[in-house]
Amino acid sequence: MAMNIHAELKRLGALSTPELRARYVEVFGEATRCNNRPYLFKRICWRLQADAEGDLSERARQRAIELADDANLRLQAPPSTPPTSGECRIPNGTAPPTHNAGAAIASIRMPRKSIEPMPGTTLWRKYKGRHICVIVLPRGFEYEGKVYRSLSAVANAITGSHWNGLKFFAESLGLNAVTGRRVEGAPV
């Protein structure tokens, strides 16, 4: 029986989360603990499309496995020489790079607050015409050769007034400065 994918997607878009969970069981044959409506919608849509139009060929699956095995996979930032005091490796007028095109990067669980950046990350911000660069250390943050315990302490040293450090470096962290939540499409 041929299914009209577009009509089915419209129907799915009108379903509530509990109804999507029930549809998930119908489509995948197993229950899900997920209550994230957009995720459930996307997963069900993907499965319906794969069933209607065909899934990946076996050859494509094997090639994907080969590529994944050959990938230069990093679990943390590559070792590099940190910038010297006051040095910022971001050329004036340009945004910092958002990714390393040469290697795949995997997500790993860290026993840290999920919002805090990984050690080795360089945070940046333009403030009053200056490019501010802060290097995340395993225990603190380095700015102009001095180590601070928190991003708020760094922001205080830069501005001379109290700032929430996460909000001060929100753009660099891919966060909304007002809400503190991750911005859609921001680098992770």
N, C-alpha and C. Protein backbone atom coordinates (compact mmCIF):
# COMPACT_ATOMS: atom_id res chain seq x y z
N MET A 1 0.85 -1.18 0.00
CA MET A 1 0.00 0.00 0.00
C MET A 1 0.89 1.24 0.00
N ALA A 2 0.74 2.10 -1.02
CA ALA A 2 1.54 3.31 -1.12
C ALA A 2 0.98 4.36 -0.16
N MET A 3 1.87 5.05 0.50
CA MET A 3 1.47 6.04 1.49
C MET A 3 1.79 7.43 0.96
N ASN A 4 0.88 8.36 1.15
CA ASN A 4 1.15 9.73 0.79
C ASN A 4 1.94 10.36 1.94
N ILE A 5 3.24 10.50 1.74
CA ILE A 5 4.13 10.97 2.81
C ILE A 5 3.73 12.37 3.29
N HIS A 6 3.43 13.25 2.34
CA HIS A 6 3.11 14.63 2.73
C HIS A 6 1.86 14.71 3.60
N ALA A 7 0.85 13.94 3.25
CA ALA A 7 -0.37 13.93 4.05
C ALA A 7 -0.10 13.35 5.44
N GLU A 8 0.71 12.30 5.48
CA GLU A 8 1.04 11.67 6.77
C GLU A 8 1.84 12.64 7.66
N LEU A 9 2.75 13.39 7.06
CA LEU A 9 3.53 14.37 7.83
C LEU A 9 2.63 15.46 8.40
N LYS A 10 1.66 15.89 7.62
CA LYS A 10 0.71 16.89 8.13
C LYS A 10 -0.06 16.33 9.32
N ARG A 11 -0.49 15.08 9.21
CA ARG A 11 -1.21 14.46 10.32
C ARG A 11 -0.32 14.36 11.55
N LEU A 12 0.95 13.97 11.34
CA LEU A 12 1.87 13.84 12.47
C LEU A 12 2.09 15.19 13.15
N GLY A 13 2.15 16.27 12.38
CA GLY A 13 2.39 17.59 12.94
C GLY A 13 1.29 18.05 13.88
N ALA A 14 0.09 17.48 13.72
CA ALA A 14 -1.03 17.88 14.57
C ALA A 14 -1.15 17.02 15.83
N LEU A 15 -0.33 15.96 15.95
CA LEU A 15 -0.43 15.06 17.09
C LEU A 15 0.25 15.64 18.32
N SER A 16 -0.29 15.28 19.48
CA SER A 16 0.33 15.68 20.75
C SER A 16 1.49 14.72 21.05
N THR A 17 2.25 15.04 22.08
CA THR A 17 3.40 14.19 22.44
C THR A 17 2.97 12.76 22.79
N PRO A 18 1.94 12.55 23.63
CA PRO A 18 1.52 11.17 23.91
C PRO A 18 1.08 10.42 22.65
N GLU A 19 0.40 11.14 21.72
CA GLU A 19 -0.02 10.50 20.48
C GLU A 19 1.19 10.16 19.61
N LEU A 20 2.20 11.03 19.60
CA LEU A 20 3.43 10.74 18.85
C LEU A 20 4.14 9.52 19.45
N ARG A 21 4.13 9.41 20.77
CA ARG A 21 4.76 8.24 21.42
C ARG A 21 4.04 6.97 21.00
N ALA A 22 2.72 7.02 20.92
CA ALA A 22 1.95 5.84 20.49
C ALA A 22 2.27 5.52 19.02
N ARG A 23 2.38 6.55 18.20
CA ARG A 23 2.71 6.34 16.77
C ARG A 23 4.13 5.78 16.64
N TYR A 24 5.02 6.21 17.51
CA TYR A 24 6.40 5.71 17.51
C TYR A 24 6.39 4.19 17.74
N VAL A 25 5.58 3.74 18.68
CA VAL A 25 5.48 2.30 18.95
C VAL A 25 4.98 1.57 17.71
N GLU A 26 4.00 2.14 17.00
CA GLU A 26 3.48 1.52 15.79
C GLU A 26 4.56 1.42 14.71
N VAL A 27 5.32 2.49 14.54
CA VAL A 27 6.30 2.56 13.46
C VAL A 27 7.56 1.75 13.76
N PHE A 28 8.09 1.86 14.98
CA PHE A 28 9.36 1.22 15.32
C PHE A 28 9.19 -0.12 16.01
N GLY A 29 7.99 -0.41 16.52
CA GLY A 29 7.77 -1.69 17.18
C GLY A 29 8.31 -1.76 18.59
N GLU A 30 8.69 -0.64 19.16
CA GLU A 30 9.17 -0.61 20.54
C GLU A 30 8.83 0.74 21.15
N ALA A 31 8.68 0.75 22.46
CA ALA A 31 8.34 1.99 23.16
C ALA A 31 9.57 2.88 23.29
N THR A 32 9.31 4.15 23.50
CA THR A 32 10.39 5.10 23.73
C THR A 32 10.14 5.83 25.04
N ARG A 33 11.21 6.20 25.73
CA ARG A 33 11.09 6.97 26.96
C ARG A 33 11.12 8.46 26.68
N CYS A 34 11.38 8.82 25.43
CA CYS A 34 11.53 10.22 25.03
C CYS A 34 10.20 10.95 25.06
N ASN A 35 10.22 12.16 25.60
CA ASN A 35 9.05 13.03 25.59
C ASN A 35 9.29 14.28 24.77
N ASN A 36 10.37 14.30 24.01
CA ASN A 36 10.72 15.46 23.21
C ASN A 36 9.94 15.40 21.89
N ARG A 37 8.93 16.25 21.78
CA ARG A 37 8.03 16.19 20.63
C ARG A 37 8.74 16.37 19.29
N PRO A 38 9.63 17.39 19.12
CA PRO A 38 10.32 17.54 17.83
C PRO A 38 11.16 16.31 17.47
N TYR A 39 11.82 15.72 18.47
CA TYR A 39 12.63 14.53 18.21
C TYR A 39 11.75 13.37 17.74
N LEU A 40 10.66 13.14 18.44
CA LEU A 40 9.75 12.06 18.06
C LEU A 40 9.22 12.29 16.65
N PHE A 41 8.82 13.51 16.35
CA PHE A 41 8.31 13.84 15.02
C PHE A 41 9.34 13.52 13.94
N LYS A 42 10.59 13.96 14.15
CA LYS A 42 11.65 13.73 13.16
C LYS A 42 11.95 12.25 12.98
N ARG A 43 12.02 11.52 14.08
CA ARG A 43 12.31 10.08 13.99
C ARG A 43 11.22 9.33 13.24
N ILE A 44 9.95 9.65 13.55
CA ILE A 44 8.85 8.97 12.88
C ILE A 44 8.83 9.35 11.40
N CYS A 45 9.04 10.62 11.09
CA CYS A 45 9.09 11.05 9.68
C CYS A 45 10.20 10.32 8.92
N TRP A 46 11.35 10.23 9.54
CA TRP A 46 12.47 9.54 8.89
C TRP A 46 12.11 8.08 8.59
N ARG A 47 11.53 7.40 9.57
CA ARG A 47 11.18 5.99 9.38
C ARG A 47 10.12 5.82 8.29
N LEU A 48 9.12 6.69 8.30
CA LEU A 48 8.07 6.60 7.28
C LEU A 48 8.65 6.83 5.88
N GLN A 49 9.53 7.80 5.76
CA GLN A 49 10.16 8.07 4.47
C GLN A 49 11.05 6.91 4.05
N ALA A 50 11.81 6.36 4.98
CA ALA A 50 12.68 5.22 4.66
C ALA A 50 11.85 4.02 4.22
N ASP A 51 10.73 3.79 4.88
CA ASP A 51 9.87 2.66 4.50
C ASP A 51 9.24 2.87 3.14
N ALA A 52 8.82 4.11 2.86
CA ALA A 52 8.12 4.40 1.61
C ALA A 52 9.07 4.49 0.42
N GLU A 53 10.22 5.10 0.60
CA GLU A 53 11.12 5.37 -0.52
C GLU A 53 12.36 4.50 -0.51
N GLY A 54 12.52 3.68 0.48
CA GLY A 54 13.68 2.81 0.54
C GLY A 54 14.75 3.37 1.45
N ASP A 55 15.36 2.49 2.20
CA ASP A 55 16.40 2.87 3.14
C ASP A 55 17.74 2.90 2.41
N LEU A 56 18.82 3.09 3.12
CA LEU A 56 20.15 3.05 2.53
C LEU A 56 20.41 1.66 1.97
N SER A 57 21.12 1.61 0.86
CA SER A 57 21.50 0.31 0.29
C SER A 57 22.58 -0.31 1.18
N GLU A 58 22.75 -1.62 1.06
CA GLU A 58 23.77 -2.30 1.85
C GLU A 58 25.15 -1.76 1.51
N ARG A 59 25.38 -1.44 0.24
CA ARG A 59 26.67 -0.89 -0.19
C ARG A 59 26.93 0.45 0.50
N ALA A 60 25.89 1.30 0.60
CA ALA A 60 26.04 2.60 1.25
C ALA A 60 26.30 2.42 2.74
N ARG A 61 25.63 1.46 3.37
CA ARG A 61 25.87 1.18 4.79
C ARG A 61 27.32 0.76 5.03
N GLN A 62 27.82 -0.16 4.19
CA GLN A 62 29.20 -0.64 4.34
C GLN A 62 30.19 0.51 4.15
N ARG A 63 29.93 1.38 3.17
CA ARG A 63 30.83 2.52 2.93
C ARG A 63 30.83 3.47 4.13
N ALA A 64 29.67 3.69 4.72
CA ALA A 64 29.58 4.56 5.90
C ALA A 64 30.38 3.97 7.06
N ILE A 65 30.30 2.65 7.23
CA ILE A 65 31.07 1.99 8.29
C ILE A 65 32.56 2.13 8.03
N GLU A 66 32.98 1.96 6.77
CA GLU A 66 34.39 2.12 6.42
C GLU A 66 34.87 3.55 6.71
N LEU A 67 34.07 4.53 6.33
CA LEU A 67 34.45 5.92 6.57
C LEU A 67 34.54 6.22 8.06
N ALA A 68 33.61 5.67 8.83
CA ALA A 68 33.63 5.89 10.28
C ALA A 68 34.87 5.25 10.91
N ASP A 69 35.26 4.09 10.42
CA ASP A 69 36.45 3.42 10.95
C ASP A 69 37.72 4.19 10.61
N ASP A 70 37.76 4.80 9.43
CA ASP A 70 38.95 5.53 9.00
C ASP A 70 39.01 6.96 9.51
N ALA A 71 37.94 7.44 10.13
CA ALA A 71 37.86 8.84 10.56
C ALA A 71 38.92 9.14 11.62
N ASN A 72 39.47 10.33 11.53
CA ASN A 72 40.40 10.83 12.53
C ASN A 72 39.53 11.39 13.65
N LEU A 73 39.20 10.54 14.61
CA LEU A 73 38.24 10.90 15.65
C LEU A 73 38.97 11.43 16.87
N ARG A 74 38.57 12.62 17.32
CA ARG A 74 39.17 13.23 18.50
C ARG A 74 38.15 13.27 19.61
N LEU A 75 38.60 12.98 20.82
CA LEU A 75 37.72 13.05 21.97
C LEU A 75 37.93 14.33 22.77
N GLN A 76 38.98 15.07 22.46
CA GLN A 76 39.18 16.38 23.09
C GLN A 76 39.96 17.25 22.14
N ALA A 77 40.06 18.51 22.46
CA ALA A 77 40.72 19.47 21.59
C ALA A 77 42.18 19.07 21.38
N PRO A 78 42.72 19.30 20.18
CA PRO A 78 44.10 18.94 19.92
C PRO A 78 45.05 19.79 20.76
N PRO A 79 46.19 19.20 21.15
CA PRO A 79 47.15 20.00 21.92
C PRO A 79 47.73 21.09 21.03
N SER A 80 47.81 22.27 21.57
CA SER A 80 48.39 23.37 20.82
C SER A 80 49.04 24.31 21.81
N THR A 81 49.86 25.17 21.29
CA THR A 81 50.51 26.15 22.14
C THR A 81 49.51 27.24 22.46
N PRO A 82 49.22 27.47 23.74
CA PRO A 82 48.25 28.53 24.06
C PRO A 82 48.83 29.90 23.69
N PRO A 83 47.96 30.84 23.34
CA PRO A 83 48.45 32.18 23.03
C PRO A 83 49.17 32.79 24.23
N THR A 84 50.17 33.60 23.95
CA THR A 84 50.89 34.27 25.03
C THR A 84 50.01 35.38 25.58
N SER A 85 50.41 35.95 26.67
CA SER A 85 49.62 37.01 27.32
C SER A 85 49.27 38.11 26.33
N GLY A 86 47.99 38.43 26.26
CA GLY A 86 47.54 39.50 25.40
C GLY A 86 47.45 39.15 23.93
N GLU A 87 47.98 37.99 23.52
CA GLU A 87 47.94 37.61 22.11
C GLU A 87 46.59 36.96 21.81
N CYS A 88 46.00 37.35 20.74
CA CYS A 88 44.74 36.77 20.30
C CYS A 88 44.96 36.25 18.89
N ARG A 89 44.69 34.99 18.67
CA ARG A 89 44.94 34.41 17.35
C ARG A 89 43.81 34.66 16.36
N ILE A 90 42.89 35.52 16.70
CA ILE A 90 41.79 35.85 15.81
C ILE A 90 42.15 37.13 15.09
N PRO A 91 42.27 37.11 13.76
CA PRO A 91 42.59 38.34 13.04
C PRO A 91 41.48 39.37 13.23
N ASN A 92 41.85 40.64 13.28
CA ASN A 92 40.85 41.70 13.45
C ASN A 92 39.82 41.66 12.36
N GLY A 93 38.56 41.83 12.76
CA GLY A 93 37.48 41.88 11.80
C GLY A 93 36.95 40.53 11.35
N THR A 94 37.49 39.43 11.88
CA THR A 94 37.00 38.11 11.48
C THR A 94 36.50 37.37 12.70
N ALA A 95 35.58 36.47 12.45
CA ALA A 95 35.06 35.63 13.53
C ALA A 95 35.98 34.44 13.71
N PRO A 96 36.05 33.88 14.89
CA PRO A 96 36.91 32.73 15.13
C PRO A 96 36.37 31.52 14.37
N PRO A 97 37.23 30.54 14.07
CA PRO A 97 36.75 29.35 13.38
C PRO A 97 35.77 28.59 14.26
N THR A 98 34.76 28.00 13.62
CA THR A 98 33.75 27.28 14.38
C THR A 98 34.01 25.79 14.42
N HIS A 99 34.93 25.29 13.60
CA HIS A 99 35.21 23.86 13.62
C HIS A 99 36.55 23.59 12.96
N ASN A 100 37.04 22.40 13.18
CA ASN A 100 38.28 21.94 12.55
C ASN A 100 37.86 21.02 11.43
N ALA A 101 38.01 21.47 10.18
CA ALA A 101 37.53 20.70 9.04
C ALA A 101 38.32 19.41 8.83
N GLY A 102 39.50 19.28 9.44
CA GLY A 102 40.34 18.12 9.20
C GLY A 102 39.99 16.89 10.00
N ALA A 103 39.14 16.99 11.01
CA ALA A 103 38.89 15.83 11.86
C ALA A 103 37.46 15.83 12.36
N ALA A 104 36.95 14.64 12.58
CA ALA A 104 35.62 14.50 13.18
C ALA A 104 35.76 14.67 14.68
N ILE A 105 34.76 15.23 15.32
CA ILE A 105 34.80 15.44 16.76
C ILE A 105 33.62 14.71 17.37
N ALA A 106 33.87 13.94 18.42
CA ALA A 106 32.81 13.17 19.06
C ALA A 106 32.38 13.83 20.35
N SER A 107 31.13 13.64 20.69
CA SER A 107 30.63 14.11 21.97
C SER A 107 30.97 13.08 23.04
N ILE A 108 31.43 13.54 24.17
CA ILE A 108 31.72 12.62 25.26
C ILE A 108 31.10 13.18 26.54
N ARG A 109 30.84 12.31 27.47
CA ARG A 109 30.30 12.75 28.76
C ARG A 109 31.46 13.15 29.66
N MET A 110 31.31 14.32 30.25
CA MET A 110 32.33 14.84 31.14
C MET A 110 31.70 15.09 32.50
N PRO A 111 32.43 14.83 33.58
CA PRO A 111 31.87 15.11 34.91
C PRO A 111 31.96 16.60 35.23
N ARG A 112 31.42 17.44 34.37
CA ARG A 112 31.43 18.89 34.53
C ARG A 112 30.02 19.38 34.28
N LYS A 113 29.78 20.63 34.60
CA LYS A 113 28.52 21.24 34.21
C LYS A 113 28.47 21.24 32.69
N SER A 114 27.35 20.84 32.13
CA SER A 114 27.26 20.71 30.68
C SER A 114 27.41 22.05 29.97
N ILE A 115 27.14 23.14 30.64
CA ILE A 115 27.21 24.45 30.00
C ILE A 115 28.65 24.95 29.93
N GLU A 116 29.53 24.44 30.79
CA GLU A 116 30.92 24.90 30.80
C GLU A 116 31.67 24.36 29.59
N PRO A 117 32.51 25.18 28.98
CA PRO A 117 33.28 24.71 27.83
C PRO A 117 34.39 23.74 28.25
N MET A 118 34.83 22.91 27.31
CA MET A 118 35.88 21.92 27.55
C MET A 118 37.23 22.61 27.73
N PRO A 119 38.12 22.04 28.54
CA PRO A 119 39.47 22.58 28.66
C PRO A 119 40.14 22.62 27.29
N GLY A 120 40.87 23.69 27.03
CA GLY A 120 41.53 23.86 25.74
C GLY A 120 40.74 24.76 24.80
N THR A 121 39.48 25.01 25.13
CA THR A 121 38.66 25.88 24.30
C THR A 121 39.11 27.33 24.46
N THR A 122 39.10 28.08 23.37
CA THR A 122 39.40 29.50 23.42
C THR A 122 38.09 30.26 23.26
N LEU A 123 37.75 31.03 24.27
CA LEU A 123 36.56 31.87 24.22
C LEU A 123 36.97 33.25 23.74
N TRP A 124 36.11 33.90 22.99
CA TRP A 124 36.45 35.20 22.45
C TRP A 124 35.26 36.13 22.58
N ARG A 125 35.59 37.40 22.56
CA ARG A 125 34.56 38.43 22.54
C ARG A 125 35.20 39.75 22.17
N LYS A 126 34.46 40.54 21.44
CA LYS A 126 34.92 41.89 21.13
C LYS A 126 34.26 42.80 22.17
N TYR A 127 35.06 43.54 22.90
CA TYR A 127 34.55 44.40 23.96
C TYR A 127 35.25 45.75 23.87
N LYS A 128 34.47 46.80 23.65
CA LYS A 128 34.98 48.17 23.54
C LYS A 128 36.14 48.26 22.55
N GLY A 129 35.96 47.62 21.39
CA GLY A 129 36.96 47.70 20.33
C GLY A 129 38.14 46.75 20.48
N ARG A 130 38.20 46.00 21.57
CA ARG A 130 39.31 45.05 21.78
C ARG A 130 38.81 43.63 21.57
N HIS A 131 39.68 42.76 21.06
CA HIS A 131 39.36 41.34 20.98
C HIS A 131 39.83 40.69 22.27
N ILE A 132 38.91 40.11 23.00
CA ILE A 132 39.21 39.45 24.28
C ILE A 132 39.30 37.96 24.01
N CYS A 133 40.38 37.32 24.44
CA CYS A 133 40.55 35.87 24.30
C CYS A 133 40.80 35.26 25.67
N VAL A 134 40.05 34.21 25.99
CA VAL A 134 40.20 33.51 27.26
C VAL A 134 40.36 32.03 26.95
N ILE A 135 41.33 31.40 27.58
CA ILE A 135 41.58 29.97 27.38
C ILE A 135 41.02 29.21 28.57
N VAL A 136 40.22 28.19 28.27
CA VAL A 136 39.62 27.37 29.32
C VAL A 136 40.65 26.34 29.77
N LEU A 137 40.93 26.32 31.05
CA LEU A 137 41.87 25.37 31.65
C LEU A 137 41.07 24.30 32.40
N PRO A 138 41.70 23.17 32.75
CA PRO A 138 40.96 22.16 33.53
C PRO A 138 40.41 22.70 34.84
N ARG A 139 41.12 23.64 35.45
CA ARG A 139 40.65 24.23 36.70
C ARG A 139 40.78 25.74 36.63
N GLY A 140 39.96 26.37 35.81
CA GLY A 140 39.96 27.82 35.74
C GLY A 140 40.01 28.34 34.31
N PHE A 141 40.29 29.63 34.20
CA PHE A 141 40.28 30.32 32.92
C PHE A 141 41.46 31.28 32.88
N GLU A 142 42.23 31.25 31.79
CA GLU A 142 43.40 32.11 31.66
C GLU A 142 43.08 33.30 30.78
N TYR A 143 43.37 34.49 31.31
CA TYR A 143 43.20 35.73 30.56
C TYR A 143 44.41 36.62 30.83
N GLU A 144 45.09 36.99 29.78
CA GLU A 144 46.29 37.83 29.85
C GLU A 144 47.31 37.30 30.85
N GLY A 145 47.53 35.99 30.81
CA GLY A 145 48.56 35.38 31.65
C GLY A 145 48.16 35.10 33.08
N LYS A 146 46.97 35.52 33.49
CA LYS A 146 46.51 35.30 34.85
C LYS A 146 45.38 34.27 34.84
N VAL A 147 45.37 33.38 35.84
CA VAL A 147 44.35 32.35 35.93
C VAL A 147 43.25 32.79 36.90
N TYR A 148 42.02 32.71 36.43
CA TYR A 148 40.84 33.08 37.23
C TYR A 148 40.02 31.82 37.52
N ARG A 149 39.31 31.82 38.63
CA ARG A 149 38.53 30.64 39.02
C ARG A 149 37.24 30.50 38.23
N SER A 150 36.68 31.61 37.72
CA SER A 150 35.41 31.54 37.03
C SER A 150 35.38 32.53 35.86
N LEU A 151 34.45 32.30 34.96
CA LEU A 151 34.25 33.23 33.85
C LEU A 151 33.75 34.58 34.36
N SER A 152 32.98 34.55 35.43
CA SER A 152 32.50 35.81 36.00
C SER A 152 33.67 36.65 36.51
N ALA A 153 34.68 36.00 37.10
CA ALA A 153 35.86 36.73 37.57
C ALA A 153 36.61 37.34 36.39
N VAL A 154 36.67 36.61 35.26
CA VAL A 154 37.33 37.15 34.07
C VAL A 154 36.54 38.35 33.56
N ALA A 155 35.22 38.21 33.46
CA ALA A 155 34.39 39.31 32.98
C ALA A 155 34.52 40.53 33.89
N ASN A 156 34.61 40.31 35.19
CA ASN A 156 34.78 41.40 36.14
C ASN A 156 36.12 42.10 35.91
N ALA A 157 37.17 41.32 35.67
CA ALA A 157 38.50 41.90 35.43
C ALA A 157 38.51 42.72 34.14
N ILE A 158 37.76 42.29 33.14
CA ILE A 158 37.74 42.98 31.85
C ILE A 158 36.92 44.27 31.94
N THR A 159 35.74 44.19 32.55
CA THR A 159 34.81 45.32 32.53
C THR A 159 34.92 46.22 33.75
N GLY A 160 35.41 45.69 34.86
CA GLY A 160 35.46 46.48 36.09
C GLY A 160 34.14 46.46 36.84
N SER A 161 33.15 45.72 36.33
CA SER A 161 31.87 45.60 37.03
C SER A 161 31.44 44.13 36.99
N HIS A 162 30.45 43.80 37.82
CA HIS A 162 30.02 42.40 37.89
C HIS A 162 29.24 42.01 36.65
N TRP A 163 29.62 40.87 36.08
CA TRP A 163 28.94 40.29 34.93
C TRP A 163 28.78 38.81 35.18
N ASN A 164 27.72 38.22 34.66
CA ASN A 164 27.61 36.77 34.60
C ASN A 164 28.57 36.35 33.48
N GLY A 165 29.55 35.53 33.81
CA GLY A 165 30.56 35.14 32.82
C GLY A 165 30.00 34.43 31.62
N LEU A 166 29.01 33.55 31.82
CA LEU A 166 28.41 32.84 30.70
C LEU A 166 27.69 33.81 29.76
N LYS A 167 27.06 34.82 30.32
CA LYS A 167 26.38 35.80 29.47
C LYS A 167 27.38 36.72 28.77
N PHE A 168 28.49 37.04 29.44
CA PHE A 168 29.51 37.89 28.83
C PHE A 168 30.11 37.21 27.60
N PHE A 169 30.35 35.89 27.67
CA PHE A 169 30.93 35.14 26.56
C PHE A 169 29.87 34.32 25.83
N ALA A 170 28.60 34.73 25.90
CA ALA A 170 27.50 33.95 25.34
C ALA A 170 27.69 33.64 23.86
N GLU A 171 28.08 34.61 23.06
CA GLU A 171 28.22 34.40 21.61
C GLU A 171 29.27 33.33 21.33
N SER A 172 30.38 33.38 22.05
CA SER A 172 31.45 32.42 21.86
C SER A 172 31.02 31.01 22.26
N LEU A 173 30.13 30.91 23.24
CA LEU A 173 29.66 29.62 23.73
C LEU A 173 28.43 29.13 22.97
N GLY A 174 27.92 29.93 22.03
CA GLY A 174 26.73 29.54 21.29
C GLY A 174 25.48 29.64 22.12
N LEU A 175 25.44 30.61 23.05
CA LEU A 175 24.28 30.78 23.92
C LEU A 175 23.58 32.09 23.60
N ASN A 176 22.30 32.14 23.91
CA ASN A 176 21.55 33.38 23.83
C ASN A 176 21.92 34.21 25.06
N ALA A 177 22.35 35.44 24.86
CA ALA A 177 22.82 36.27 25.98
C ALA A 177 21.72 36.58 26.97
N VAL A 178 20.48 36.59 26.53
CA VAL A 178 19.37 36.93 27.43
C VAL A 178 18.90 35.70 28.20
N THR A 179 18.64 34.60 27.49
CA THR A 179 18.07 33.42 28.13
C THR A 179 19.12 32.47 28.68
N GLY A 180 20.34 32.50 28.13
CA GLY A 180 21.39 31.57 28.56
C GLY A 180 21.22 30.18 27.95
N ARG A 181 20.30 30.04 27.00
CA ARG A 181 20.07 28.74 26.37
C ARG A 181 20.83 28.67 25.06
N ARG A 182 21.14 27.44 24.66
CA ARG A 182 21.89 27.22 23.43
C ARG A 182 21.10 27.71 22.24
N VAL A 183 21.80 28.43 21.34
CA VAL A 183 21.19 28.97 20.13
C VAL A 183 21.16 27.87 19.08
N GLU A 184 20.03 27.74 18.39
CA GLU A 184 19.87 26.73 17.34
C GLU A 184 20.91 26.98 16.24
N GLY A 185 21.64 25.95 15.86
CA GLY A 185 22.62 26.06 14.80
C GLY A 185 23.97 26.59 15.25
N ALA A 186 24.14 26.85 16.52
CA ALA A 186 25.42 27.36 17.02
C ALA A 186 26.41 26.22 17.12
N PRO A 187 27.71 26.48 16.98
CA PRO A 187 28.70 25.43 17.12
C PRO A 187 28.68 24.87 18.54
N VAL A 188 28.89 23.59 18.67
CA VAL A 188 28.85 22.94 19.97
C VAL A 188 30.23 22.77 20.52
